[in-house]
């Protein structure tokens, strides 16, 4: 089944939410999202927390050792 863009009249498959010709919004993106269970949401939140803390740790270590290296390289 095909649908057409209201702006440029380009035909595209039903699954497209934006026109690939002009970029106009042509559909509902919310209807394609699957509902996740509370357990899945909890796992996703835990994974995001691990990623955020990991990135923060990398930044802190880089700041500490990067500054230490820059100070000691000039000696």
N, C-alpha and C. Protein backbone atom coordinates (compact mmCIF):
# COMPACT_ATOMS: atom_id res chain seq x y z
N UNK A 1 0.84 -1.18 0.00
CA UNK A 1 0.00 0.00 0.00
C UNK A 1 0.89 1.25 0.00
N UNK A 2 0.51 2.24 -0.73
CA UNK A 2 1.30 3.46 -0.88
C UNK A 2 0.51 4.65 -0.34
N UNK A 3 1.25 5.64 0.13
CA UNK A 3 0.64 6.91 0.51
C UNK A 3 1.42 8.01 -0.18
N UNK A 4 0.81 9.17 -0.28
CA UNK A 4 1.49 10.26 -1.00
C UNK A 4 1.74 11.43 -0.05
N UNK A 5 2.79 12.16 -0.36
CA UNK A 5 3.18 13.32 0.42
C UNK A 5 2.20 14.46 0.14
N UNK A 6 1.72 15.14 1.18
CA UNK A 6 0.78 16.25 0.95
C UNK A 6 1.46 17.48 0.34
N UNK A 7 2.79 17.56 0.43
CA UNK A 7 3.49 18.73 -0.07
C UNK A 7 3.92 18.57 -1.52
N UNK A 8 4.58 17.44 -1.83
CA UNK A 8 5.13 17.27 -3.18
C UNK A 8 4.47 16.15 -3.96
N UNK A 9 3.51 15.45 -3.37
CA UNK A 9 2.74 14.37 -4.01
C UNK A 9 3.58 13.15 -4.40
N UNK A 10 4.73 12.97 -3.79
CA UNK A 10 5.55 11.79 -4.05
C UNK A 10 4.91 10.60 -3.36
N UNK A 11 4.83 9.47 -4.05
CA UNK A 11 4.27 8.26 -3.45
C UNK A 11 5.37 7.48 -2.75
N UNK A 12 5.02 6.92 -1.58
CA UNK A 12 5.99 6.17 -0.79
C UNK A 12 5.25 5.08 -0.02
N UNK A 13 5.99 4.09 0.49
CA UNK A 13 5.36 3.02 1.28
C UNK A 13 4.70 3.56 2.55
N UNK A 14 3.75 2.82 3.06
CA UNK A 14 3.00 3.22 4.27
C UNK A 14 3.91 3.36 5.49
N UNK A 15 4.99 2.59 5.55
CA UNK A 15 5.83 2.60 6.75
C UNK A 15 6.65 3.88 6.89
N UNK A 16 6.76 4.68 5.82
CA UNK A 16 7.54 5.92 5.88
C UNK A 16 6.76 6.98 6.65
N UNK A 17 7.45 7.69 7.52
CA UNK A 17 6.82 8.78 8.27
C UNK A 17 7.19 10.15 7.72
N UNK A 18 8.26 10.19 6.94
CA UNK A 18 8.71 11.43 6.31
C UNK A 18 8.92 11.17 4.83
N UNK A 19 8.60 12.16 4.04
CA UNK A 19 8.80 12.06 2.59
C UNK A 19 10.28 12.04 2.29
N UNK A 20 10.72 11.06 1.51
CA UNK A 20 12.13 10.98 1.16
C UNK A 20 12.51 11.98 0.09
N UNK A 21 11.54 12.64 -0.53
CA UNK A 21 11.82 13.64 -1.56
C UNK A 21 11.99 15.04 -0.95
N UNK A 22 11.05 15.42 -0.07
CA UNK A 22 11.09 16.80 0.47
C UNK A 22 11.25 16.86 1.99
N UNK A 23 11.09 15.74 2.70
CA UNK A 23 11.27 15.71 4.14
C UNK A 23 10.03 16.05 4.94
N UNK A 24 8.90 16.24 4.28
CA UNK A 24 7.65 16.58 4.97
C UNK A 24 7.16 15.40 5.82
N UNK A 25 6.61 15.70 7.00
CA UNK A 25 6.04 14.66 7.87
C UNK A 25 4.77 14.13 7.23
N UNK A 26 4.67 12.81 7.09
CA UNK A 26 3.50 12.23 6.43
C UNK A 26 2.83 11.14 7.25
N UNK A 27 3.31 10.87 8.46
CA UNK A 27 2.72 9.77 9.23
C UNK A 27 2.87 9.92 10.72
N UNK A 28 2.36 8.97 11.42
CA UNK A 28 2.41 8.96 12.87
C UNK A 28 3.52 8.02 13.33
N UNK A 29 4.56 8.58 13.93
CA UNK A 29 5.68 7.75 14.39
C UNK A 29 5.32 6.99 15.65
N UNK A 30 4.39 7.45 16.44
CA UNK A 30 4.02 6.78 17.67
C UNK A 30 3.35 5.44 17.45
N UNK A 31 2.72 5.24 16.32
CA UNK A 31 2.03 3.99 16.08
C UNK A 31 2.99 2.84 15.81
N UNK A 32 4.26 3.13 15.50
CA UNK A 32 5.22 2.08 15.21
C UNK A 32 6.06 1.70 16.42
N UNK A 33 5.95 2.45 17.53
CA UNK A 33 6.71 2.13 18.72
C UNK A 33 6.04 1.00 19.48
N UNK A 34 6.83 0.03 19.90
CA UNK A 34 6.29 -1.07 20.67
C UNK A 34 6.28 -0.68 22.15
N UNK A 35 5.23 -1.07 22.83
CA UNK A 35 5.15 -0.84 24.27
C UNK A 35 6.08 -1.81 24.96
N UNK A 36 6.90 -1.29 25.84
CA UNK A 36 7.81 -2.15 26.58
C UNK A 36 7.25 -2.42 27.97
N UNK A 37 7.62 -3.56 28.50
CA UNK A 37 7.15 -3.93 29.83
C UNK A 37 7.94 -3.16 30.88
N UNK A 38 7.43 -3.08 32.10
CA UNK A 38 8.18 -2.39 33.16
C UNK A 38 9.57 -2.99 33.39
N UNK A 39 9.69 -4.31 33.23
CA UNK A 39 11.00 -4.94 33.40
C UNK A 39 11.97 -4.48 32.31
N UNK A 40 11.50 -4.37 31.08
CA UNK A 40 12.35 -3.91 29.98
C UNK A 40 12.76 -2.46 30.20
N UNK A 41 11.83 -1.64 30.68
CA UNK A 41 12.15 -0.24 30.95
C UNK A 41 13.20 -0.13 32.05
N UNK A 42 13.07 -0.98 33.07
CA UNK A 42 14.03 -0.96 34.17
C UNK A 42 15.42 -1.38 33.68
N UNK A 43 15.47 -2.41 32.84
CA UNK A 43 16.76 -2.86 32.29
C UNK A 43 17.37 -1.75 31.43
N UNK A 44 16.54 -1.10 30.62
CA UNK A 44 17.04 -0.02 29.77
C UNK A 44 17.57 1.15 30.62
N UNK A 45 16.87 1.50 31.68
CA UNK A 45 17.33 2.58 32.56
C UNK A 45 18.65 2.21 33.21
N UNK A 46 18.80 0.95 33.61
CA UNK A 46 20.03 0.49 34.24
C UNK A 46 21.19 0.56 33.23
N UNK A 47 20.94 0.15 32.00
CA UNK A 47 21.97 0.21 30.96
C UNK A 47 22.37 1.66 30.67
N UNK A 48 21.40 2.55 30.60
CA UNK A 48 21.70 3.96 30.36
C UNK A 48 22.51 4.55 31.50
N UNK A 49 22.21 4.16 32.73
CA UNK A 49 22.95 4.65 33.88
C UNK A 49 24.41 4.19 33.82
N UNK A 50 24.62 2.92 33.44
CA UNK A 50 25.98 2.39 33.32
C UNK A 50 26.75 3.16 32.25
N UNK A 51 26.11 3.44 31.13
CA UNK A 51 26.76 4.19 30.05
C UNK A 51 27.11 5.60 30.52
N UNK A 52 26.17 6.27 31.20
CA UNK A 52 26.43 7.64 31.65
C UNK A 52 27.57 7.69 32.66
N UNK A 53 27.56 6.78 33.63
CA UNK A 53 28.64 6.77 34.62
C UNK A 53 29.96 6.37 33.99
N UNK A 54 29.93 5.48 33.02
CA UNK A 54 31.16 5.10 32.32
C UNK A 54 31.76 6.28 31.57
N UNK A 55 30.91 7.05 30.88
CA UNK A 55 31.40 8.23 30.17
C UNK A 55 31.95 9.27 31.15
N UNK A 56 31.27 9.45 32.26
CA UNK A 56 31.74 10.39 33.27
C UNK A 56 33.09 9.95 33.83
N UNK A 57 33.26 8.67 34.08
CA UNK A 57 34.53 8.14 34.58
C UNK A 57 35.66 8.37 33.58
N UNK A 58 35.38 8.14 32.31
CA UNK A 58 36.39 8.36 31.27
C UNK A 58 36.79 9.83 31.22
N UNK A 59 35.83 10.73 31.32
CA UNK A 59 36.14 12.17 31.29
C UNK A 59 36.98 12.58 32.49
N UNK A 60 36.62 12.08 33.66
CA UNK A 60 37.37 12.42 34.87
C UNK A 60 38.78 11.87 34.79
N UNK A 61 38.94 10.62 34.38
CA UNK A 61 40.28 10.04 34.25
C UNK A 61 41.11 10.78 33.22
N UNK A 62 40.50 11.14 32.11
CA UNK A 62 41.23 11.88 31.08
C UNK A 62 41.68 13.23 31.62
N UNK A 63 40.78 13.89 32.37
CA UNK A 63 41.13 15.20 32.92
C UNK A 63 42.29 15.07 33.92
N UNK A 64 42.22 14.09 34.80
CA UNK A 64 43.27 13.93 35.80
C UNK A 64 44.60 13.53 35.18
N UNK A 65 44.61 12.46 34.41
CA UNK A 65 45.86 11.96 33.85
C UNK A 65 46.35 12.79 32.68
N UNK A 66 45.43 13.39 31.95
CA UNK A 66 45.83 14.27 30.86
C UNK A 66 46.53 15.50 31.38
N UNK A 67 46.00 16.09 32.43
CA UNK A 67 46.65 17.25 33.03
C UNK A 67 47.97 16.87 33.68
N UNK A 68 48.01 15.73 34.34
CA UNK A 68 49.25 15.26 34.96
C UNK A 68 50.32 15.04 33.91
N UNK A 69 49.94 14.44 32.79
CA UNK A 69 50.89 14.18 31.72
C UNK A 69 51.41 15.49 31.12
N UNK A 70 50.51 16.45 30.91
CA UNK A 70 50.93 17.73 30.34
C UNK A 70 51.87 18.49 31.28
N UNK A 71 51.63 18.42 32.57
CA UNK A 71 52.49 19.09 33.54
C UNK A 71 53.85 18.43 33.60
N UNK A 72 53.90 17.11 33.58
CA UNK A 72 55.15 16.38 33.72
C UNK A 72 55.95 16.26 32.42
N UNK A 73 55.36 16.49 31.30
CA UNK A 73 56.09 16.37 30.03
C UNK A 73 57.01 17.57 29.83
N UNK A 74 56.71 18.69 30.45
CA UNK A 74 57.51 19.91 30.28
C UNK A 74 58.73 19.94 31.20
N UNK A 75 58.90 18.96 32.05
CA UNK A 75 60.03 18.96 32.99
C UNK A 75 61.25 18.37 32.37
